[in-house]
Structure formats: structure tokens, C-alpha cells
């Protein structure tokens, strides 16, 4: 169908409007005012980071003190920074492509599964775990946003080995103090019982002494009476 002049004018204005928007976007990208662009497609909205914007963030992740990891729902590690590789005592190229659970002691693998099952895009989680190399980590885990492959997770790991050692030392010290308290209590009971026994023995001894004193007094009286009778008999004789 032949388009009317009015339709052509409207289309021309729409094209000019889209052209202006495109030029504004390009200008913003050139001036570093845009970090990423969102493109709608059959798979929904997808975000594309600009290399100039991505570089400082990647540098930050690589140089951060904590370990950083992205992994999928099967636990396959898709990315890790150098710090996390140091934590597991493996080179980066061997960590990427391995499974996260390979580095975690068996007892904590189940805890990790339980945590991941509870996570949503609005709910993150933390977990204390022990690695097979005896390193203790605090993990902060959350799902990536839907437009950033929402089936994958991002993990930030903090080395808490020294804190865990202090906790173990304090727990052991607390155990020893409780044991000493029990021993002191038992000793206190023994002292109380010994005092009771001593008091009973002292009372028995006092009664025995009192009885002996009375008997001694009687003996003295008997002895004096006997002397008096002997003396009287001699006088009479």
C-alpha cells in the first residue's frame, strides 16, 4: 500500500527521535557515563558491560582481601579470584572448573546444600565452613540477579581461621575451668566432711577426757579414803 504523506511524516519523526536517542547513548558511552547497556530479546533483558566500566570492578575483585567465587547450581566453579585460590591452596586455573564441595569437609557439604536450598533473589545467607586443608571460612552467598544468569551464585569468603583457633582455645579453657570448678567443689565437700568427722571425733575425745577426769577424781578420792583408813587403823593399834 502506498503510504500517505502524513504517515511518512510520522515515520520520519520517529526515525529522527530514535536517531537522537542513539546519538545520546553513544555520546554517554564515549564520555564514560554508562557502565552497561540493557538489550531486550527473546530471552528477556540482558546486560552487557562495557569493557571500560568492567575493568575497575574486575580489578577490585581480583585485589580484594576476601575470596570471590561464582558457581552454578551444580556447584561448578565458574570464576574465582586469586585470594580464594590461595585459601584452597590451588592455582586459579585448577580451581575454575572444579566443584566447590571438593574443597569442603564432608560434614559441611550438607550444611551448604541446606543453605543454597533456602536462598532466593531477595534472601542471601551466611555459613561457617571448614576446608579440607583445615582453613575456616565464613561464606556469604546470594543468587545472581535474573538478568545476570540467575541460576548461578556469587560467594564471598572470609578467612576466620585465627578467630576459630581462638574460639577453640577459649572452649578448651572453659572446659578446663568447669573441670577445676567440679574438682574444687568435690574438694570443698571433702573438707566439709573431714571437718564434720573431726568435730565428731573431738566431741568423742572430749567426752572420753571428761570421763577419764571423773574416773581419776574417783580414784583420788578412793586413794585418799584408803590412806585415811590405814592411818586411823595404825593410830587405833
Protein backbone atom coordinates (compact mmCIF):
# COMPACT_ATOMS: atom_id res chain seq x y z
CA UNK A 1 0.00 0.00 0.00
CA UNK A 2 1.18 3.49 -0.80
CA UNK A 3 1.85 5.44 2.38
CA UNK A 4 0.28 8.81 2.74
CA UNK A 5 2.32 11.89 3.23
CA UNK A 6 1.07 12.12 6.80
CA UNK A 7 2.28 8.58 7.56
CA UNK A 8 5.65 9.32 6.03
CA UNK A 9 5.98 12.42 8.17
CA UNK A 10 5.16 10.44 11.34
CA UNK A 11 7.67 7.69 10.47
CA UNK A 12 10.27 10.32 9.70
CA UNK A 13 9.75 11.93 13.09
CA UNK A 14 10.02 8.52 14.81
CA UNK A 15 13.26 7.79 12.98
CA UNK A 16 14.66 11.18 13.96
CA UNK A 17 13.64 10.53 17.57
CA UNK A 18 15.33 7.11 17.61
CA UNK A 19 18.39 8.62 15.96
CA UNK A 20 18.62 11.27 18.66
CA UNK A 21 18.31 8.61 21.38
CA UNK A 22 21.03 6.53 19.74
CA UNK A 23 23.32 9.55 19.47
CA UNK A 24 22.71 10.40 23.11
CA UNK A 25 23.55 6.83 24.16
CA UNK A 26 26.72 6.80 22.05
CA UNK A 27 27.75 10.16 23.48
CA UNK A 28 27.21 8.90 27.04
CA UNK A 29 29.23 5.77 26.30
CA UNK A 30 32.08 7.83 24.85
CA UNK A 31 32.12 10.09 27.91
CA UNK A 32 32.15 7.17 30.35
CA UNK A 33 28.70 7.99 31.71
CA UNK A 34 27.35 4.45 31.03
CA UNK A 35 28.62 1.26 32.73
CA UNK A 36 26.43 -1.17 30.82
CA UNK A 37 23.55 -1.41 28.36
CA UNK A 38 20.37 -3.49 28.62
CA UNK A 39 19.07 -5.16 25.45
CA UNK A 40 15.67 -6.84 25.26
CA UNK A 41 15.42 -10.03 23.28
CA UNK A 42 13.68 -13.37 23.10
CA UNK A 43 15.41 -14.48 26.32
CA UNK A 44 14.42 -11.35 28.15
CA UNK A 45 16.58 -8.42 29.15
CA UNK A 46 20.33 -8.98 29.04
CA UNK A 47 23.01 -6.71 30.43
CA UNK A 48 26.25 -6.06 28.54
CA UNK A 49 29.04 -4.41 30.50
CA UNK A 50 31.35 -2.02 28.72
CA UNK A 51 34.99 -3.01 28.93
CA UNK A 52 35.98 0.37 30.32
CA UNK A 53 33.41 0.01 33.10
CA UNK A 54 34.14 -3.65 33.78
CA UNK A 55 37.88 -3.23 34.23
CA UNK A 56 37.87 -1.39 37.60
CA UNK A 57 35.31 -3.82 39.04
CA UNK A 58 37.30 -6.85 37.89
CA UNK A 59 40.46 -5.28 39.31
CA UNK A 60 38.69 -4.70 42.61
CA UNK A 61 37.51 -8.32 42.77
CA UNK A 62 40.97 -9.62 41.89
CA UNK A 63 42.69 -7.47 44.51
CA UNK A 64 40.13 -7.71 47.32
CA UNK A 65 41.21 -9.27 50.60
CA UNK A 66 38.35 -11.79 50.61
CA UNK A 67 37.83 -14.70 48.27
CA UNK A 68 35.29 -14.27 45.47
CA UNK A 69 33.62 -17.11 43.58
CA UNK A 70 30.77 -17.59 41.15
CA UNK A 71 29.37 -21.10 40.78
CA UNK A 72 26.31 -22.74 39.24
CA UNK A 73 23.58 -24.80 40.90
CA UNK A 74 25.64 -27.98 40.42
CA UNK A 75 28.47 -26.40 42.43
CA UNK A 76 30.79 -25.98 39.43
CA UNK A 77 33.10 -23.00 39.95
CA UNK A 78 32.83 -20.60 37.02
CA UNK A 79 35.16 -17.92 38.36
CA UNK A 80 37.34 -17.27 41.38
CA UNK A 81 39.83 -14.57 42.27
CA UNK A 82 43.42 -15.12 43.35
CA UNK A 83 42.59 -14.77 47.04
CA UNK A 84 40.16 -17.70 47.01
CA UNK A 85 42.72 -19.81 45.14
CA UNK A 86 45.19 -19.02 47.93
CA UNK A 87 42.62 -20.07 50.54
CA UNK A 88 42.25 -23.54 48.99
CA UNK A 89 45.97 -23.81 48.20
CA UNK A 90 45.39 -24.35 44.48
CA UNK A 91 46.24 -22.33 41.35
CA UNK A 92 43.35 -20.37 39.85
CA UNK A 93 43.25 -22.45 36.66
CA UNK A 94 42.72 -25.62 38.71
CA UNK A 95 40.04 -24.09 40.93
CA UNK A 96 37.97 -22.83 38.00
CA UNK A 97 36.12 -25.80 36.56
CA UNK A 98 36.29 -27.81 39.79
CA UNK A 99 33.45 -28.29 42.25
CA UNK A 100 33.14 -26.15 45.36
CA UNK A 101 32.41 -29.18 47.55
CA UNK A 102 35.77 -30.70 46.64
CA UNK A 103 37.41 -28.18 48.98
CA UNK A 104 34.94 -28.53 51.88
CA UNK A 105 34.96 -31.19 54.60
CA UNK A 106 32.08 -33.71 54.27
CA UNK A 107 30.21 -32.57 57.38
CA UNK A 108 29.87 -29.03 55.99
CA UNK A 109 28.80 -30.07 52.48
CA UNK A 110 25.32 -30.93 53.73
CA UNK A 111 25.13 -27.59 55.54
CA UNK A 112 26.00 -25.84 52.26
CA UNK A 113 23.28 -27.74 50.39
CA UNK A 114 20.72 -26.76 53.03
CA UNK A 115 21.70 -23.10 52.80
CA UNK A 116 21.56 -22.99 49.00
CA UNK A 117 18.09 -24.55 49.06
CA UNK A 118 16.85 -21.63 51.18
CA UNK A 119 18.29 -18.80 49.07
CA UNK A 120 16.14 -16.59 46.85
CA UNK A 121 16.87 -13.46 44.85
CA UNK A 122 15.78 -11.47 47.90
CA UNK A 123 17.37 -13.66 50.55
CA UNK A 124 21.09 -14.21 50.96
CA UNK A 125 22.80 -16.38 53.56
CA UNK A 126 26.00 -16.93 55.56
CA UNK A 127 27.71 -20.13 56.65
CA UNK A 128 30.81 -21.11 58.62
CA UNK A 129 32.65 -24.00 56.98
CA UNK A 130 35.95 -25.84 57.25
CA UNK A 131 38.10 -26.63 54.23
CA UNK A 132 39.94 -29.89 53.75
CA UNK A 133 43.21 -28.00 54.37
CA UNK A 134 41.99 -27.03 57.89
CA UNK A 135 41.21 -23.44 56.89
CA UNK A 136 38.00 -22.00 58.33
CA UNK A 137 35.90 -19.68 56.17
CA UNK A 138 32.84 -17.53 56.61
CA UNK A 139 30.81 -17.67 53.38
CA UNK A 140 28.34 -15.00 52.27
CA UNK A 141 26.26 -16.37 49.38
CA UNK A 142 23.50 -14.96 47.22
CA UNK A 143 21.85 -15.69 43.90
CA UNK A 144 22.90 -13.55 40.99
CA UNK A 145 20.14 -11.27 39.63
CA UNK A 146 17.91 -12.80 36.97
CA UNK A 147 19.44 -10.68 34.21
CA UNK A 148 22.89 -11.98 35.24
CA UNK A 149 22.15 -15.69 34.86
CA UNK A 150 20.01 -16.09 37.96
CA UNK A 151 20.70 -19.82 38.34
CA UNK A 152 24.25 -19.03 39.41
CA UNK A 153 25.55 -17.95 42.81
CA UNK A 154 28.11 -15.44 43.98
CA UNK A 155 30.16 -16.20 47.08
CA UNK A 156 32.44 -14.02 49.18
CA UNK A 157 34.73 -15.92 51.56
CA UNK A 158 36.47 -14.50 54.64
CA UNK A 159 39.30 -16.39 56.32
CA UNK A 160 38.38 -16.82 60.00
CA UNK A 161 40.99 -19.46 60.83
CA UNK A 162 42.64 -17.37 63.55
CA UNK A 163 39.28 -16.49 65.10
CA UNK A 164 38.29 -20.17 65.01
CA UNK A 165 41.55 -21.13 66.72
CA UNK A 166 40.84 -18.58 69.45
CA UNK A 167 37.33 -19.94 69.78
CA UNK A 168 38.66 -23.49 70.15
CA UNK A 169 41.22 -22.30 72.72
CA UNK A 170 38.51 -20.48 74.69
CA UNK A 171 36.24 -23.53 74.52
CA UNK A 172 39.05 -25.73 75.85
CA UNK A 173 39.85 -23.17 78.57
CA UNK A 174 36.18 -23.08 79.54
CA UNK A 175 36.13 -26.88 79.70
CA UNK A 176 39.19 -26.92 81.95
CA UNK A 177 37.72 -24.24 84.20
CA UNK A 178 34.50 -26.23 84.56
CA UNK A 179 36.55 -29.32 85.42
CA UNK A 180 38.52 -27.36 88.01
CA UNK A 181 35.29 -25.99 89.48
CA UNK A 182 33.96 -29.53 89.84
CA UNK A 183 37.24 -30.62 91.44
CA UNK A 184 37.17 -27.63 93.81
CA UNK A 185 33.57 -28.42 94.72
CA UNK A 186 34.48 -32.04 95.40
CA UNK A 187 37.44 -30.84 97.48
CA UNK A 188 35.13 -28.50 99.40
CA UNK A 189 32.78 -31.36 100.14
CA UNK A 190 35.73 -33.48 101.27
CA UNK A 191 36.92 -30.67 103.57
CA UNK A 192 33.40 -30.24 104.99
CA UNK A 193 33.08 -33.97 105.54
CA UNK A 194 36.56 -34.09 107.10
CA UNK A 195 35.62 -31.20 109.40
CA UNK A 196 32.43 -32.97 110.39
CA UNK A 197 34.40 -36.13 111.11
CA UNK A 198 36.94 -34.09 113.08
CA UNK A 199 34.20 -32.38 115.10
CA UNK A 200 32.62 -35.75 115.89
CA UNK A 201 36.00 -37.17 116.87
CA UNK A 202 36.75 -34.09 119.02
CA UNK A 203 33.42 -34.44 120.81
CA UNK A 204 34.10 -38.11 121.45
CA UNK A 205 37.56 -37.21 122.69
CA UNK A 206 36.15 -34.51 124.98
CA UNK A 207 33.65 -36.98 126.41
CA UNK A 208 36.41 -39.52 126.88
CA UNK A 209 38.62 -36.95 128.61
CA UNK A 210 35.69 -35.84 130.76
CA UNK A 211 35.02 -39.45 131.74
CA UNK A 212 38.69 -40.07 132.49
CA UNK A 213 38.82 -36.93 134.60
CA UNK A 214 35.83 -38.12 136.62
CA UNK A 215 37.33 -41.57 136.99
CA UNK A 216 40.64 -40.03 138.01
CA UNK A 217 38.84 -37.91 140.59
CA UNK A 218 37.13 -41.00 141.96
CA UNK A 219 40.45 -42.81 142.13
CA UNK A 220 41.96 -39.91 144.03
CA UNK A 221 39.08 -39.89 146.46
CA UNK A 222 39.30 -43.65 146.91
CA UNK A 223 43.05 -43.37 147.39
CA UNK A 224 42.66 -40.61 150.00
CA UNK A 225 39.95 -42.60 151.77
CA UNK A 226 42.13 -45.65 151.81
CA UNK A 227 45.03 -43.66 153.24
CA UNK A 228 42.74 -42.23 155.88
CA UNK A 229 41.54 -45.68 156.95
CA UNK A 230 45.08 -47.03 157.09
CA UNK A 231 46.20 -44.06 159.18
CA UNK A 232 43.22 -44.44 161.54
CA UNK A 233 43.89 -48.15 161.93
CA UNK A 234 47.53 -47.51 162.83
CA UNK A 235 46.50 -44.96 165.40
CA UNK A 236 44.00 -47.33 166.96
CA UNK A 237 46.59 -50.06 167.05
